[in-house]
Structure formats: C-alpha cells, structure tokens
Amino acid sequence: MHLFKESGIFSFDFEVKTVPESSTVLGLGIVGLLALSLSRLQKLNRSSLN
C-alpha cells in the first residue's frame, strides 16, 4: 500500500539570465541617492522661499 499516489509530471524550466555586475548596481544606487537628495533639497528651497 502506497501512502502517496503519483500526482503527475513536474518539469522545471531553467532560464539563464545575466547578472549585472556589482559596479553597475553600485552606480545605480549612487545615482538614486543623488536624485533623492536633490529632490529633497529642491523641496527645502521651495519651502524656505515661501
């Protein structure tokens, strides 16, 4: 007597994707931080002018 019955065939499809280099990720992170800080500075300048 089997406790588990066959439930079908499972297939796994693996797709190889290129992993971005760490320098690319680091560069994008720095650009994102700069953009965030610039937008905050602009908001501060606008609020101080009013």
N, C-alpha and C. Protein backbone atom coordinates (compact mmCIF):
# COMPACT_ATOMS: atom_id res chain seq x y z
N MET A 1 0.85 -1.19 0.00
CA MET A 1 0.00 0.00 0.00
C MET A 1 0.89 1.25 0.00
N HIS A 2 0.62 2.14 -0.93
CA HIS A 2 1.38 3.38 -1.03
C HIS A 2 0.62 4.51 -0.35
N LEU A 3 1.33 5.27 0.47
CA LEU A 3 0.71 6.42 1.14
C LEU A 3 0.51 7.58 0.17
N PHE A 4 1.46 7.72 -0.77
CA PHE A 4 1.40 8.83 -1.71
C PHE A 4 1.16 8.29 -3.11
N LYS A 5 0.19 8.88 -3.79
CA LYS A 5 -0.09 8.48 -5.17
C LYS A 5 0.67 9.43 -6.10
N GLU A 6 0.90 8.96 -7.31
CA GLU A 6 1.54 9.82 -8.30
C GLU A 6 0.57 10.94 -8.66
N SER A 7 1.05 12.15 -8.65
CA SER A 7 0.17 13.28 -8.91
C SER A 7 0.47 13.97 -10.23
N GLY A 8 1.32 13.39 -11.04
CA GLY A 8 1.61 13.98 -12.33
C GLY A 8 3.09 14.17 -12.55
N ILE A 9 3.41 14.81 -13.66
CA ILE A 9 4.81 15.05 -14.03
C ILE A 9 5.10 16.53 -13.83
N PHE A 10 6.16 16.80 -13.12
CA PHE A 10 6.57 18.18 -12.89
C PHE A 10 7.83 18.45 -13.70
N SER A 11 7.82 19.54 -14.43
CA SER A 11 9.00 19.90 -15.21
C SER A 11 9.47 21.27 -14.77
N PHE A 12 10.77 21.43 -14.70
CA PHE A 12 11.37 22.70 -14.31
C PHE A 12 12.12 23.26 -15.50
N ASP A 13 11.79 24.47 -15.88
CA ASP A 13 12.49 25.14 -16.97
C ASP A 13 13.40 26.20 -16.37
N PHE A 14 14.69 26.03 -16.58
CA PHE A 14 15.66 26.98 -16.07
C PHE A 14 16.10 27.90 -17.19
N GLU A 15 16.07 29.18 -16.91
CA GLU A 15 16.50 30.18 -17.88
C GLU A 15 17.69 30.92 -17.31
N VAL A 16 18.77 30.93 -18.06
CA VAL A 16 19.97 31.60 -17.58
C VAL A 16 19.87 33.08 -17.91
N LYS A 17 19.93 33.90 -16.88
CA LYS A 17 19.88 35.34 -17.07
C LYS A 17 21.21 35.93 -16.65
N THR A 18 21.58 36.99 -17.32
CA THR A 18 22.85 37.63 -16.98
C THR A 18 22.66 38.44 -15.70
N VAL A 19 23.58 38.28 -14.80
CA VAL A 19 23.53 39.01 -13.54
C VAL A 19 24.34 40.29 -13.71
N PRO A 20 23.75 41.44 -13.38
CA PRO A 20 24.50 42.70 -13.54
C PRO A 20 25.72 42.73 -12.61
N GLU A 21 26.75 43.35 -13.08
CA GLU A 21 27.97 43.43 -12.28
C GLU A 21 27.73 44.29 -11.05
N SER A 22 28.50 44.04 -10.02
CA SER A 22 28.33 44.78 -8.78
C SER A 22 28.59 46.27 -8.98
N SER A 23 29.50 46.60 -9.89
CA SER A 23 29.77 48.02 -10.13
C SER A 23 28.56 48.71 -10.74
N THR A 24 27.82 48.00 -11.58
CA THR A 24 26.62 48.57 -12.19
C THR A 24 25.57 48.83 -11.12
N VAL A 25 25.37 47.87 -10.23
CA VAL A 25 24.39 48.02 -9.16
C VAL A 25 24.80 49.16 -8.23
N LEU A 26 26.08 49.23 -7.93
CA LEU A 26 26.58 50.29 -7.06
C LEU A 26 26.38 51.66 -7.71
N GLY A 27 26.66 51.75 -9.00
CA GLY A 27 26.48 53.01 -9.71
C GLY A 27 25.03 53.45 -9.73
N LEU A 28 24.12 52.50 -9.96
CA LEU A 28 22.70 52.84 -9.96
C LEU A 28 22.25 53.29 -8.58
N GLY A 29 22.79 52.66 -7.55
CA GLY A 29 22.44 53.05 -6.18
C GLY A 29 22.89 54.46 -5.87
N ILE A 30 24.10 54.81 -6.30
CA ILE A 30 24.63 56.15 -6.05
C ILE A 30 23.80 57.19 -6.81
N VAL A 31 23.45 56.88 -8.05
CA VAL A 31 22.64 57.81 -8.84
C VAL A 31 21.27 58.00 -8.19
N GLY A 32 20.71 56.91 -7.67
CA GLY A 32 19.41 57.01 -6.99
C GLY A 32 19.49 57.87 -5.75
N LEU A 33 20.56 57.70 -4.97
CA LEU A 33 20.72 58.51 -3.76
C LEU A 33 20.91 59.99 -4.10
N LEU A 34 21.67 60.26 -5.15
CA LEU A 34 21.86 61.65 -5.57
C LEU A 34 20.54 62.28 -6.00
N ALA A 35 19.75 61.54 -6.76
CA ALA A 35 18.47 62.07 -7.23
C ALA A 35 17.54 62.33 -6.04
N LEU A 36 17.55 61.43 -5.08
CA LEU A 36 16.71 61.60 -3.88
C LEU A 36 17.14 62.83 -3.09
N SER A 37 18.44 63.00 -2.90
CA SER A 37 18.91 64.15 -2.13
C SER A 37 18.65 65.46 -2.87
N LEU A 38 18.77 65.44 -4.20
CA LEU A 38 18.48 66.65 -4.97
C LEU A 38 17.01 67.03 -4.87
N SER A 39 16.13 66.05 -4.93
CA SER A 39 14.70 66.37 -4.83
C SER A 39 14.36 66.91 -3.44
N ARG A 40 15.02 66.40 -2.42
CA ARG A 40 14.79 66.90 -1.07
C ARG A 40 15.30 68.34 -0.93
N LEU A 41 16.45 68.62 -1.54
CA LEU A 41 16.99 69.98 -1.48
C LEU A 41 16.06 70.96 -2.18
N GLN A 42 15.50 70.55 -3.31
CA GLN A 42 14.59 71.43 -4.03
C GLN A 42 13.35 71.71 -3.20
N LYS A 43 12.84 70.70 -2.51
CA LYS A 43 11.66 70.90 -1.66
C LYS A 43 11.98 71.86 -0.52
N LEU A 44 13.19 71.71 0.06
CA LEU A 44 13.58 72.60 1.15
C LEU A 44 13.71 74.03 0.66
N ASN A 45 14.30 74.20 -0.51
CA ASN A 45 14.46 75.55 -1.07
C ASN A 45 13.12 76.19 -1.36
N ARG A 46 12.19 75.43 -1.89
CA ARG A 46 10.87 75.97 -2.20
C ARG A 46 10.13 76.37 -0.93
N SER A 47 10.24 75.55 0.11
CA SER A 47 9.52 75.87 1.33
C SER A 47 10.15 77.06 2.06
N SER A 48 11.45 77.25 1.90
CA SER A 48 12.08 78.38 2.58
C SER A 48 11.81 79.70 1.84
N LEU A 49 11.53 79.62 0.55
CA LEU A 49 11.22 80.82 -0.21
C LEU A 49 9.84 81.34 0.11
N ASN A 50 8.92 80.48 0.48
CA ASN A 50 7.53 80.88 0.75
C ASN A 50 7.36 81.45 2.13
